[in-house]
Amino acid sequence: MNKNKVNVRQYTVEDFEKLLIIQKEAFPPPFPEELWWNVEQIKAHVTTFPEGALLAEVDGVPVGSATSLLTYYDGTPHTWEEVADNGYIKGSHQPNGDSLYGIDLCVRPSYRGKGIAQALYQARKQTVMDLGLQRFIAGCRIPNFHEFAKQMSVEKYVEKVQAGELHDLVLSFMLKQGLIPIQIMPNYLDDEESLDYAVIVEWKNPSFSS
């Protein structure tokens, strides 16, 4: 975005309509509208962990958002619903956790490929460093896996994407952000393209000291 600087800030309940614009465009029908953020979820985000509630704007126009919470990461199998508390985060957020866990990131289609998601990930990394956490982690969709599922295992697929032999719409982007696959999570999310798999990806805080 040569002329337009991406500004990332914490969102508030007053930003709900802006967030809804992003959600509606990023997840259009037939995506169920009841799965868009609702105002009670936004209230929960900003009261439970405001540092994890991020809105990206360009010239005041809402272009992307991201939501995170704190947790202890120990590799225990889990679903998105469990780690996100069905999008409300109150029941799953661990204030003294060692990891920032990203549960959502979306960018308006007309602004994709313009550095919005990268700016949001950079802000997440900064949050990790500011809070002295060990890492940022997220459950990464692998939407191109269904094209190769008959040819290889999910482990082999992730290995080939990581090696640059295959391209995955989401995982390849994550790799470019410096995130590394550390765990494959079955039954993570109802996702036909990923065959319900997710890959837990990690960015370690280079400044962390225990």
C-alpha atoms as a PDB file:
ATOM      1  CA  MET A   1       0.000   0.000   0.000  1.00  0.00           C
ATOM      2  CA  ASN A   2       2.329   2.684  -1.253  1.00  0.00           C
ATOM      3  CA  LYS A   3       0.283   5.786  -0.444  1.00  0.00           C
ATOM      4  CA  ASN A   4      -2.052   4.332   2.169  1.00  0.00           C
ATOM      5  CA  LYS A   5      -0.606   3.436   5.538  1.00  0.00           C
ATOM      6  CA  VAL A   6      -2.183   0.539   7.401  1.00  0.00           C
ATOM      7  CA  ASN A   7      -3.091   1.572  10.925  1.00  0.00           C
ATOM      8  CA  VAL A   8      -3.650  -1.226  13.452  1.00  0.00           C
ATOM      9  CA  ARG A   9      -5.334  -0.391  16.737  1.00  0.00           C
ATOM     10  CA  GLN A  10      -7.391  -2.087  19.426  1.00  0.00           C
ATOM     11  CA  TYR A  11     -11.063  -2.268  18.544  1.00  0.00           C
ATOM     12  CA  THR A  12     -13.880  -1.347  20.913  1.00  0.00           C
ATOM     13  CA  VAL A  13     -17.601  -2.116  21.090  1.00  0.00           C
ATOM     14  CA  GLU A  14     -18.170   1.133  19.169  1.00  0.00           C
ATOM     15  CA  ASP A  15     -16.359  -0.500  16.228  1.00  0.00           C
ATOM     16  CA  PHE A  16     -18.933  -3.287  15.931  1.00  0.00           C
ATOM     17  CA  GLU A  17     -20.452  -2.004  12.663  1.00  0.00           C
ATOM     18  CA  LYS A  18     -16.967  -1.694  11.148  1.00  0.00           C
ATOM     19  CA  LEU A  19     -16.146  -5.247  12.205  1.00  0.00           C
ATOM     20  CA  LEU A  20     -19.426  -6.480  10.750  1.00  0.00           C
ATOM     21  CA  ILE A  21     -18.603  -4.880   7.389  1.00  0.00           C
ATOM     22  CA  ILE A  22     -15.327  -6.816   7.338  1.00  0.00           C
ATOM     23  CA  GLN A  23     -16.999 -10.081   8.380  1.00  0.00           C
ATOM     24  CA  LYS A  24     -19.802  -9.787   5.810  1.00  0.00           C
ATOM     25  CA  GLU A  25     -17.370  -9.213   2.951  1.00  0.00           C
ATOM     26  CA  ALA A  26     -14.782 -11.754   4.111  1.00  0.00           C
ATOM     27  CA  PHE A  27     -17.382 -14.466   4.752  1.00  0.00           C
ATOM     28  CA  PRO A  28     -20.254 -13.895   2.281  1.00  0.00           C
ATOM     29  CA  PRO A  29     -23.200 -16.268   1.775  1.00  0.00           C
ATOM     30  CA  PRO A  30     -23.521 -19.213   1.846  1.00  0.00           C
ATOM     31  CA  PHE A  31     -21.391 -18.677   4.974  1.00  0.00           C
ATOM     32  CA  PRO A  32     -23.938 -18.690   7.842  1.00  0.00           C
ATOM     33  CA  GLU A  33     -24.425 -15.148   9.102  1.00  0.00           C
ATOM     34  CA  GLU A  34     -24.942 -16.436  12.638  1.00  0.00           C
ATOM     35  CA  LEU A  35     -21.212 -17.266  12.613  1.00  0.00           C
ATOM     36  CA  TRP A  36     -20.217 -13.632  12.089  1.00  0.00           C
ATOM     37  CA  TRP A  37     -19.109 -11.905  15.277  1.00  0.00           C
ATOM     38  CA  ASN A  38     -22.066 -10.659  17.297  1.00  0.00           C
ATOM     39  CA  VAL A  39     -22.028  -7.666  19.587  1.00  0.00           C
ATOM     40  CA  GLU A  40     -21.889  -9.800  22.737  1.00  0.00           C
ATOM     41  CA  GLN A  41     -18.759 -11.536  21.453  1.00  0.00           C
ATOM     42  CA  ILE A  42     -17.137  -8.196  20.672  1.00  0.00           C
ATOM     43  CA  LYS A  43     -17.993  -6.970  24.187  1.00  0.00           C
ATOM     44  CA  ALA A  44     -16.408 -10.131  25.583  1.00  0.00           C
ATOM     45  CA  HIS A  45     -13.234  -9.629  23.514  1.00  0.00           C
ATOM     46  CA  VAL A  46     -12.658  -6.039  24.585  1.00  0.00           C
ATOM     47  CA  THR A  47     -13.441  -6.644  28.258  1.00  0.00           C
ATOM     48  CA  THR A  48     -11.619  -9.987  28.607  1.00  0.00           C
ATOM     49  CA  PHE A  49      -8.442  -9.218  26.648  1.00  0.00           C
ATOM     50  CA  PRO A  50      -8.437  -5.863  24.833  1.00  0.00           C
ATOM     51  CA  GLU A  51      -4.807  -6.312  23.739  1.00  0.00           C
ATOM     52  CA  GLY A  52      -5.918  -9.173  21.496  1.00  0.00           C
ATOM     53  CA  ALA A  53      -8.709  -7.257  19.758  1.00  0.00           C
ATOM     54  CA  LEU A  54      -7.209  -5.626  16.661  1.00  0.00           C
ATOM     55  CA  LEU A  55      -8.691  -3.561  13.848  1.00  0.00           C
ATOM     56  CA  ALA A  56      -6.770  -2.569  10.705  1.00  0.00           C
ATOM     57  CA  GLU A  57      -7.771   0.619   8.901  1.00  0.00           C
ATOM     58  CA  VAL A  58      -6.594   2.505   5.835  1.00  0.00           C
ATOM     59  CA  ASP A  59      -7.513   6.183   5.822  1.00  0.00           C
ATOM     60  CA  GLY A  60     -10.121   5.422   8.469  1.00  0.00           C
ATOM     61  CA  VAL A  61     -11.705   2.655   6.389  1.00  0.00           C
ATOM     62  CA  PRO A  62     -11.973  -0.731   8.167  1.00  0.00           C
ATOM     63  CA  VAL A  63     -10.079  -3.312   6.137  1.00  0.00           C
ATOM     64  CA  GLY A  64      -9.234  -6.196   8.471  1.00  0.00           C
ATOM     65  CA  SER A  65      -9.459  -7.507  12.010  1.00  0.00           C
ATOM     66  CA  ALA A  66      -7.881 -10.091  14.274  1.00  0.00           C
ATOM     67  CA  THR A  67      -8.759 -11.547  17.662  1.00  0.00           C
ATOM     68  CA  SER A  68      -6.484 -13.392  20.091  1.00  0.00           C
ATOM     69  CA  LEU A  69      -6.436 -14.612  23.673  1.00  0.00           C
ATOM     70  CA  LEU A  70      -3.886 -15.890  26.168  1.00  0.00           C
ATOM     71  CA  THR A  71      -3.392 -19.577  26.902  1.00  0.00           C
ATOM     72  CA  TYR A  72      -0.871 -22.122  28.092  1.00  0.00           C
ATOM     73  CA  TYR A  73       0.254 -24.230  25.147  1.00  0.00           C
ATOM     74  CA  ASP A  74       1.116 -27.829  25.999  1.00  0.00           C
ATOM     75  CA  GLY A  75       0.055 -29.660  22.843  1.00  0.00           C
ATOM     76  CA  THR A  76      -3.229 -30.962  24.229  1.00  0.00           C
ATOM     77  CA  PRO A  77      -5.631 -31.740  21.346  1.00  0.00           C
ATOM     78  CA  HIS A  78      -8.445 -29.214  21.100  1.00  0.00           C
ATOM     79  CA  THR A  79     -11.004 -27.737  18.747  1.00  0.00           C
ATOM     80  CA  TRP A  80     -11.507 -24.127  17.684  1.00  0.00           C
ATOM     81  CA  GLU A  81     -14.726 -24.006  19.683  1.00  0.00           C
ATOM     82  CA  GLU A  82     -12.874 -25.096  22.820  1.00  0.00           C
ATOM     83  CA  VAL A  83      -9.945 -22.705  22.555  1.00  0.00           C
ATOM     84  CA  ALA A  84     -12.159 -19.790  21.456  1.00  0.00           C
ATOM     85  CA  ASP A  85     -14.971 -20.490  23.930  1.00  0.00           C
ATOM     86  CA  ASN A  86     -17.272 -20.496  20.892  1.00  0.00           C
ATOM     87  CA  GLY A  87     -16.033 -17.032  20.034  1.00  0.00           C
ATOM     88  CA  TYR A  88     -16.618 -15.476  23.458  1.00  0.00           C
ATOM     89  CA  ILE A  89     -13.094 -16.218  24.862  1.00  0.00           C
ATOM     90  CA  LYS A  90     -14.177 -15.544  28.477  1.00  0.00           C
ATOM     91  CA  GLY A  91     -14.137 -19.208  29.450  1.00  0.00           C
ATOM     92  CA  SER A  92     -10.879 -20.106  27.687  1.00  0.00           C
ATOM     93  CA  HIS A  93      -8.703 -17.003  28.141  1.00  0.00           C
ATOM     94  CA  GLN A  94      -5.945 -17.629  30.695  1.00  0.00           C
ATOM     95  CA  PRO A  95      -4.681 -14.246  31.964  1.00  0.00           C
ATOM     96  CA  ASN A  96      -1.337 -15.703  33.051  1.00  0.00           C
ATOM     97  CA  GLY A  97      -0.867 -17.826  29.918  1.00  0.00           C
ATOM     98  CA  ASP A  98       2.478 -18.059  28.137  1.00  0.00           C
ATOM     99  CA  SER A  99       1.133 -17.883  24.570  1.00  0.00           C
ATOM    100  CA  LEU A 100      -0.911 -15.500  22.441  1.00  0.00           C
ATOM    101  CA  TYR A 101      -3.406 -17.669  20.533  1.00  0.00           C
ATOM    102  CA  GLY A 102      -4.986 -16.234  17.400  1.00  0.00           C
ATOM    103  CA  ILE A 103      -8.583 -17.359  16.953  1.00  0.00           C
ATOM    104  CA  ASP A 104      -9.591 -15.170  14.026  1.00  0.00           C
ATOM    105  CA  LEU A 105      -8.187 -12.988  11.280  1.00  0.00           C
ATOM    106  CA  CYS A 106     -10.032 -11.666   8.270  1.00  0.00           C
ATOM    107  CA  VAL A 107      -9.425  -9.105   5.546  1.00  0.00           C
ATOM    108  CA  ARG A 108     -11.940  -7.560   3.156  1.00  0.00           C
ATOM    109  CA  PRO A 109     -11.487  -9.192  -0.292  1.00  0.00           C
ATOM    110  CA  SER A 110     -10.884  -5.873  -2.060  1.00  0.00           C
ATOM    111  CA  TYR A 111      -7.919  -5.210   0.252  1.00  0.00           C
ATOM    112  CA  ARG A 112      -6.274  -8.629   0.122  1.00  0.00           C
ATOM    113  CA  GLY A 113      -2.716  -8.815  -1.134  1.00  0.00           C
ATOM    114  CA  LYS A 114      -2.011  -5.302   0.114  1.00  0.00           C
ATOM    115  CA  GLY A 115      -0.244  -6.037   3.380  1.00  0.00           C
ATOM    116  CA  ILE A 116      -3.250  -5.928   5.705  1.00  0.00           C
ATOM    117  CA  ALA A 117      -2.892  -9.435   7.136  1.00  0.00           C
ATOM    118  CA  GLN A 118       0.863  -8.943   7.398  1.00  0.00           C
ATOM    119  CA  ALA A 119       0.306  -5.758   9.425  1.00  0.00           C
ATOM    120  CA  LEU A 120      -2.074  -7.596  11.759  1.00  0.00           C
ATOM    121  CA  TYR A 121       0.450 -10.408  12.273  1.00  0.00           C
ATOM    122  CA  GLN A 122       3.180  -7.888  12.957  1.00  0.00           C
ATOM    123  CA  ALA A 123       0.948  -6.294  15.582  1.00  0.00           C
ATOM    124  CA  ARG A 124       0.369  -9.719  17.136  1.00  0.00           C
ATOM    125  CA  LYS A 125       4.108 -10.332  17.315  1.00  0.00           C
ATOM    126  CA  GLN A 126       4.540  -6.941  18.955  1.00  0.00           C
ATOM    127  CA  THR A 127       1.906  -7.883  21.527  1.00  0.00           C
ATOM    128  CA  VAL A 128       3.826 -11.084  22.284  1.00  0.00           C
ATOM    129  CA  MET A 129       6.990  -9.073  22.875  1.00  0.00           C
ATOM    130  CA  ASP A 130       5.255  -6.311  24.837  1.00  0.00           C
ATOM    131  CA  LEU A 131       3.676  -8.855  27.192  1.00  0.00           C
ATOM    132  CA  GLY A 132       6.820 -10.966  27.501  1.00  0.00           C
ATOM    133  CA  LEU A 133       5.117 -14.105  26.194  1.00  0.00           C
ATOM    134  CA  GLN A 134       6.886 -17.179  24.831  1.00  0.00           C
ATOM    135  CA  ARG A 135       5.103 -17.389  21.511  1.00  0.00           C
ATOM    136  CA  PHE A 136       2.254 -16.651  19.156  1.00  0.00           C
ATOM    137  CA  ILE A 137       0.289 -19.686  17.975  1.00  0.00           C
ATOM    138  CA  ALA A 138      -2.768 -20.277  15.829  1.00  0.00           C
ATOM    139  CA  GLY A 139      -4.740 -23.093  14.287  1.00  0.00           C
ATOM    140  CA  CYS A 140      -4.049 -22.728  10.559  1.00  0.00           C
ATOM    141  CA  ARG A 141      -6.503 -23.959   7.937  1.00  0.00           C
ATOM    142  CA  ILE A 142      -5.061 -25.941   5.033  1.00  0.00           C
ATOM    143  CA  PRO A 143      -7.727 -25.267   2.386  1.00  0.00           C
ATOM    144  CA  ASN A 144      -5.851 -26.854  -0.516  1.00  0.00           C
ATOM    145  CA  PHE A 145      -5.378 -30.177   1.271  1.00  0.00           C
ATOM    146  CA  HIS A 146      -8.561 -31.701  -0.165  1.00  0.00           C
ATOM    147  CA  GLU A 147      -6.959 -31.534  -3.625  1.00  0.00           C
ATOM    148  CA  PHE A 148      -4.158 -33.864  -2.502  1.00  0.00           C
ATOM    149  CA  ALA A 149      -5.778 -35.958   0.225  1.00  0.00           C
ATOM    150  CA  LYS A 150      -6.080 -39.040  -2.001  1.00  0.00           C
ATOM    151  CA  GLN A 151      -2.406 -38.831  -2.904  1.00  0.00           C
ATOM    152  CA  MET A 152      -0.781 -38.216   0.477  1.00  0.00           C
ATOM    153  CA  SER A 153      -1.274 -38.006   4.211  1.00  0.00           C
ATOM    154  CA  VAL A 154      -1.869 -34.704   5.929  1.00  0.00           C
ATOM    155  CA  GLU A 155       1.615 -34.969   7.435  1.00  0.00           C
ATOM    156  CA  LYS A 156       3.184 -35.347   3.990  1.00  0.00           C
ATOM    157  CA  TYR A 157       1.096 -32.468   2.652  1.00  0.00           C
ATOM    158  CA  VAL A 158       2.258 -30.106   5.409  1.00  0.00           C
ATOM    159  CA  GLU A 159       5.838 -31.243   4.854  1.00  0.00           C
ATOM    160  CA  LYS A 160       5.633 -30.473   1.133  1.00  0.00           C
ATOM    161  CA  VAL A 161       4.051 -27.057   1.706  1.00  0.00           C
ATOM    162  CA  GLN A 162       6.748 -26.247   4.234  1.00  0.00           C
ATOM    163  CA  ALA A 163       9.411 -27.312   1.718  1.00  0.00           C
ATOM    164  CA  GLY A 164       7.855 -25.075  -0.932  1.00  0.00           C
ATOM    165  CA  GLU A 165       6.919 -28.021  -3.154  1.00  0.00           C
ATOM    166  CA  LEU A 166       3.203 -27.288  -2.809  1.00  0.00           C
ATOM    167  CA  HIS A 167       1.307 -24.065  -2.206  1.00  0.00           C
ATOM    168  CA  ASP A 168      -1.478 -23.746   0.340  1.00  0.00           C
ATOM    169  CA  LEU A 169      -3.558 -20.590   0.373  1.00  0.00           C
ATOM    170  CA  VAL A 170      -3.282 -20.155   4.154  1.00  0.00           C
ATOM    171  CA  LEU A 171      -0.336 -22.213   5.378  1.00  0.00           C
ATOM    172  CA  SER A 172       2.054 -20.810   2.768  1.00  0.00           C
ATOM    173  CA  PHE A 173       1.143 -17.296   3.923  1.00  0.00           C
ATOM    174  CA  MET A 174       1.754 -18.275   7.535  1.00  0.00           C
ATOM    175  CA  LEU A 175       5.184 -19.601   6.638  1.00  0.00           C
ATOM    176  CA  LYS A 176       6.017 -16.249   5.015  1.00  0.00           C
ATOM    177  CA  GLN A 177       5.162 -14.578   8.330  1.00  0.00           C
ATOM    178  CA  GLY A 178       7.804 -16.697  10.059  1.00  0.00           C
ATOM    179  CA  LEU A 179       5.370 -19.135  11.661  1.00  0.00           C
ATOM    180  CA  ILE A 180       6.419 -22.788  11.851  1.00  0.00           C
ATOM    181  CA  PRO A 181       4.121 -25.863  11.887  1.00  0.00           C
ATOM    182  CA  ILE A 182       4.447 -27.680  15.209  1.00  0.00           C
ATOM    183  CA  GLN A 183       1.344 -29.887  15.418  1.00  0.00           C
ATOM    184  CA  ILE A 184      -1.422 -31.274  13.239  1.00  0.00           C
ATOM    185  CA  MET A 185      -4.833 -31.072  14.869  1.00  0.00           C
ATOM    186  CA  PRO A 186      -7.645 -33.330  13.529  1.00  0.00           C
ATOM    187  CA  ASN A 187     -11.303 -32.355  13.964  1.00  0.00           C
ATOM    188  CA  TYR A 188     -10.314 -28.765  14.711  1.00  0.00           C
ATOM    189  CA  LEU A 189     -13.033 -27.033  12.733  1.00  0.00           C
ATOM    190  CA  ASP A 190     -15.887 -28.001  10.443  1.00  0.00           C
ATOM    191  CA  ASP A 191     -13.997 -27.293   7.219  1.00  0.00           C
ATOM    192  CA  GLU A 192     -14.531 -29.362   4.076  1.00  0.00           C
ATOM    193  CA  GLU A 193     -11.519 -27.939   2.239  1.00  0.00           C
ATOM    194  CA  SER A 194      -9.142 -28.777   5.100  1.00  0.00           C
ATOM    195  CA  LEU A 195     -10.970 -32.040   5.824  1.00  0.00           C
ATOM    196  CA  ASP A 196     -11.466 -30.667   9.361  1.00  0.00           C
ATOM    197  CA  TYR A 197      -7.698 -30.499   9.973  1.00  0.00           C
ATOM    198  CA  ALA A 198      -5.736 -27.532  11.225  1.00  0.00           C
ATOM    199  CA  VAL A 199      -2.021 -27.048  11.664  1.00  0.00           C
ATOM    200  CA  ILE A 200      -0.855 -25.387  14.850  1.00  0.00           C
ATOM    201  CA  VAL A 201       1.753 -22.844  13.787  1.00  0.00           C
ATOM    202  CA  GLU A 202       4.130 -21.023  16.104  1.00  0.00           C
ATOM    203  CA  TRP A 203       6.226 -17.867  16.160  1.00  0.00           C
ATOM    204  CA  LYS A 204       8.643 -17.816  19.086  1.00  0.00           C
ATOM    205  CA  ASN A 205       9.447 -14.578  20.841  1.00  0.00           C
ATOM    206  CA  PRO A 206      13.153 -13.955  20.174  1.00  0.00           C
ATOM    207  CA  SER A 207      13.339 -11.797  23.309  1.00  0.00           C
ATOM    208  CA  PHE A 208      11.721 -14.290  25.669  1.00  0.00           C
ATOM    209  CA  SER A 209      13.630 -15.240  28.793  1.00  0.00           C
ATOM    210  CA  SER A 210      12.125 -17.602  31.369  1.00  0.00           C
END
